Amino acid sequence: MEQREIMQRSVGILTEALEMRRRLRADPDADVRRSGAVAQLLEEMLPRIQLPADASAREVADIVTEKLGPAIVQIASALTFAFVQLAEIHDEGRTDLSSADVLRSISLHYEKGGEG
């Protein structure tokens, strides 16, 4: 999966979480259900790992780290980038942009093939 798609999907997850939080604030009894976007992203990005039957605990840890590490770093980087963008707008005291505006801008940037 390309970094562009990972970024857009991560922004989608954050946007969904933001909307769920807003709905719950407006109505604490609202029926808010997750779409499963996080699980789907993980399912698509994390490779299947086959471990040797005789692998030691250390060998298992090394194999899992080697196989899962790159995907976890990509996902964490995308979420971190979006968080930093939101935090900067907040810290600047900008009132002309909402969180949804910032997330939309990030998504559009990556839709056009932009890089972080």
C-alpha atoms as a PDB file:
ATOM      1  CA  MET A   1       0.000   0.000   0.000  1.00  0.00           C
ATOM      2  CA  GLU A   2       1.397   3.407  -0.951  1.00  0.00           C
ATOM      3  CA  GLN A   3       2.077   6.057   1.678  1.00  0.00           C
ATOM      4  CA  ARG A   4      -0.477   8.302  -0.045  1.00  0.00           C
ATOM      5  CA  GLU A   5      -3.243   5.755   0.517  1.00  0.00           C
ATOM      6  CA  ILE A   6      -2.132   5.063   4.081  1.00  0.00           C
ATOM      7  CA  MET A   7      -2.273   8.795   4.796  1.00  0.00           C
ATOM      8  CA  GLN A   8      -5.726   9.186   3.279  1.00  0.00           C
ATOM      9  CA  ARG A   9      -7.071   6.177   5.144  1.00  0.00           C
ATOM     10  CA  SER A  10      -5.554   7.414   8.409  1.00  0.00           C
ATOM     11  CA  VAL A  11      -7.190  10.810   7.897  1.00  0.00           C
ATOM     12  CA  GLY A  12     -10.468   8.995   7.219  1.00  0.00           C
ATOM     13  CA  ILE A  13     -10.139   7.128  10.507  1.00  0.00           C
ATOM     14  CA  LEU A  14      -9.466  10.376  12.381  1.00  0.00           C
ATOM     15  CA  THR A  15     -12.363  12.102  10.623  1.00  0.00           C
ATOM     16  CA  GLU A  16     -14.683   9.254  11.565  1.00  0.00           C
ATOM     17  CA  ALA A  17     -13.524   9.412  15.199  1.00  0.00           C
ATOM     18  CA  LEU A  18     -14.035  13.180  15.256  1.00  0.00           C
ATOM     19  CA  GLU A  19     -17.564  12.839  13.911  1.00  0.00           C
ATOM     20  CA  MET A  20     -18.389  10.049  16.381  1.00  0.00           C
ATOM     21  CA  ARG A  21     -17.173  12.227  19.260  1.00  0.00           C
ATOM     22  CA  ARG A  22     -19.259  15.179  18.074  1.00  0.00           C
ATOM     23  CA  ARG A  23     -22.360  13.020  17.776  1.00  0.00           C
ATOM     24  CA  LEU A  24     -21.853  11.610  21.275  1.00  0.00           C
ATOM     25  CA  ARG A  25     -21.354  15.087  22.715  1.00  0.00           C
ATOM     26  CA  ALA A  26     -24.597  16.205  21.117  1.00  0.00           C
ATOM     27  CA  ASP A  27     -26.431  13.074  22.228  1.00  0.00           C
ATOM     28  CA  PRO A  28     -24.716  10.796  24.787  1.00  0.00           C
ATOM     29  CA  ASP A  29     -27.242   8.059  23.972  1.00  0.00           C
ATOM     30  CA  ALA A  30     -26.639   8.186  20.214  1.00  0.00           C
ATOM     31  CA  ASP A  31     -26.127   4.878  18.453  1.00  0.00           C
ATOM     32  CA  VAL A  32     -22.590   5.425  17.185  1.00  0.00           C
ATOM     33  CA  ARG A  33     -20.937   2.457  15.534  1.00  0.00           C
ATOM     34  CA  ARG A  34     -17.434   2.182  14.230  1.00  0.00           C
ATOM     35  CA  SER A  35     -17.034   1.365  10.577  1.00  0.00           C
ATOM     36  CA  GLY A  36     -14.217  -1.090  11.136  1.00  0.00           C
ATOM     37  CA  ALA A  37     -11.808   1.124   9.174  1.00  0.00           C
ATOM     38  CA  VAL A  38      -8.963   0.573  11.641  1.00  0.00           C
ATOM     39  CA  ALA A  39      -9.336  -3.197  11.554  1.00  0.00           C
ATOM     40  CA  GLN A  40      -9.574  -3.140   7.771  1.00  0.00           C
ATOM     41  CA  LEU A  41      -6.419  -1.027   7.432  1.00  0.00           C
ATOM     42  CA  LEU A  42      -4.516  -3.360   9.737  1.00  0.00           C
ATOM     43  CA  GLU A  43      -5.836  -6.426   7.918  1.00  0.00           C
ATOM     44  CA  GLU A  44      -4.662  -5.036   4.588  1.00  0.00           C
ATOM     45  CA  MET A  45      -1.284  -3.781   5.769  1.00  0.00           C
ATOM     46  CA  LEU A  46      -0.035  -6.333   8.246  1.00  0.00           C
ATOM     47  CA  PRO A  47       1.530  -9.362   6.608  1.00  0.00           C
ATOM     48  CA  ARG A  48       0.755 -12.916   7.568  1.00  0.00           C
ATOM     49  CA  ILE A  49       3.580 -14.375   9.570  1.00  0.00           C
ATOM     50  CA  GLN A  50       4.601 -17.994   9.588  1.00  0.00           C
ATOM     51  CA  LEU A  51       6.747 -19.032  12.488  1.00  0.00           C
ATOM     52  CA  PRO A  52       8.927 -22.125  12.615  1.00  0.00           C
ATOM     53  CA  ALA A  53       7.532 -24.650  15.071  1.00  0.00           C
ATOM     54  CA  ASP A  54      10.854 -24.842  16.854  1.00  0.00           C
ATOM     55  CA  ALA A  55      11.433 -21.074  17.082  1.00  0.00           C
ATOM     56  CA  SER A  56      12.576 -19.748  20.425  1.00  0.00           C
ATOM     57  CA  ALA A  57      10.804 -16.819  22.066  1.00  0.00           C
ATOM     58  CA  ARG A  58      13.641 -14.525  20.954  1.00  0.00           C
ATOM     59  CA  GLU A  59      13.417 -15.783  17.362  1.00  0.00           C
ATOM     60  CA  VAL A  60       9.636 -15.242  17.367  1.00  0.00           C
ATOM     61  CA  ALA A  61      10.103 -11.685  18.639  1.00  0.00           C
ATOM     62  CA  ASP A  62      12.713 -10.964  15.971  1.00  0.00           C
ATOM     63  CA  ILE A  63      10.554 -12.379  13.158  1.00  0.00           C
ATOM     64  CA  VAL A  64       7.444 -10.502  14.291  1.00  0.00           C
ATOM     65  CA  THR A  65       9.380  -7.245  14.641  1.00  0.00           C
ATOM     66  CA  GLU A  66      10.959  -7.642  11.217  1.00  0.00           C
ATOM     67  CA  LYS A  67       7.674  -8.464   9.478  1.00  0.00           C
ATOM     68  CA  LEU A  68       5.303  -6.062  11.271  1.00  0.00           C
ATOM     69  CA  GLY A  69       7.660  -3.187  11.990  1.00  0.00           C
ATOM     70  CA  PRO A  70       7.573  -1.431   8.610  1.00  0.00           C
ATOM     71  CA  ALA A  71       3.748  -1.419   8.380  1.00  0.00           C
ATOM     72  CA  ILE A  72       3.361  -0.225  11.961  1.00  0.00           C
ATOM     73  CA  VAL A  73       5.853   2.584  11.319  1.00  0.00           C
ATOM     74  CA  GLN A  74       3.926   3.673   8.197  1.00  0.00           C
ATOM     75  CA  ILE A  75       0.601   3.761  10.034  1.00  0.00           C
ATOM     76  CA  ALA A  76       2.066   5.528  13.070  1.00  0.00           C
ATOM     77  CA  SER A  77       3.794   8.063  10.812  1.00  0.00           C
ATOM     78  CA  ALA A  78       0.556   8.872   9.005  1.00  0.00           C
ATOM     79  CA  LEU A  79      -1.371   9.338  12.251  1.00  0.00           C
ATOM     80  CA  THR A  80       1.464  11.362  13.767  1.00  0.00           C
ATOM     81  CA  PHE A  81       1.609  13.649  10.728  1.00  0.00           C
ATOM     82  CA  ALA A  82      -2.124  14.332  10.945  1.00  0.00           C
ATOM     83  CA  PHE A  83      -1.903  14.926  14.695  1.00  0.00           C
ATOM     84  CA  VAL A  84       0.953  17.417  14.261  1.00  0.00           C
ATOM     85  CA  GLN A  85      -0.998  19.303  11.596  1.00  0.00           C
ATOM     86  CA  LEU A  86      -4.002  19.535  13.913  1.00  0.00           C
ATOM     87  CA  ALA A  87      -1.843  20.513  16.892  1.00  0.00           C
ATOM     88  CA  GLU A  88      -0.097  23.287  14.963  1.00  0.00           C
ATOM     89  CA  ILE A  89      -3.403  24.834  13.906  1.00  0.00           C
ATOM     90  CA  HIS A  90      -4.642  24.595  17.486  1.00  0.00           C
ATOM     91  CA  ASP A  91      -1.458  26.052  18.967  1.00  0.00           C
ATOM     92  CA  GLU A  92      -1.526  28.956  16.514  1.00  0.00           C
ATOM     93  CA  GLY A  93      -4.979  29.826  17.859  1.00  0.00           C
ATOM     94  CA  ARG A  94      -6.498  29.642  14.404  1.00  0.00           C
ATOM     95  CA  THR A  95     -10.258  29.907  14.552  1.00  0.00           C
ATOM     96  CA  ASP A  96     -10.780  30.091  10.803  1.00  0.00           C
ATOM     97  CA  LEU A  97     -10.136  26.348  10.423  1.00  0.00           C
ATOM     98  CA  SER A  98     -11.937  23.492  12.121  1.00  0.00           C
ATOM     99  CA  SER A  99     -10.372  20.106  12.781  1.00  0.00           C
ATOM    100  CA  ALA A 100     -12.473  18.718   9.936  1.00  0.00           C
ATOM    101  CA  ASP A 101     -11.089  21.449   7.626  1.00  0.00           C
ATOM    102  CA  VAL A 102      -7.511  20.488   8.501  1.00  0.00           C
ATOM    103  CA  LEU A 103      -8.177  16.790   7.960  1.00  0.00           C
ATOM    104  CA  ARG A 104      -9.906  17.535   4.657  1.00  0.00           C
ATOM    105  CA  SER A 105      -6.926  19.613   3.547  1.00  0.00           C
ATOM    106  CA  ILE A 106      -4.501  16.802   4.383  1.00  0.00           C
ATOM    107  CA  SER A 107      -6.617  14.292   2.494  1.00  0.00           C
ATOM    108  CA  LEU A 108      -6.844  16.553  -0.571  1.00  0.00           C
ATOM    109  CA  HIS A 109      -3.097  17.143  -0.480  1.00  0.00           C
ATOM    110  CA  TYR A 110      -2.440  13.396  -0.612  1.00  0.00           C
ATOM    111  CA  GLU A 111      -5.189  12.814  -3.176  1.00  0.00           C
ATOM    112  CA  LYS A 112      -3.230  15.090  -5.509  1.00  0.00           C
ATOM    113  CA  GLY A 113      -0.099  13.004  -4.946  1.00  0.00           C
ATOM    114  CA  GLY A 114       1.509  15.229  -2.330  1.00  0.00           C
ATOM    115  CA  GLU A 115       4.124  14.101   0.122  1.00  0.00           C
ATOM    116  CA  GLY A 116       4.450  14.879   3.838  1.00  0.00           C
END
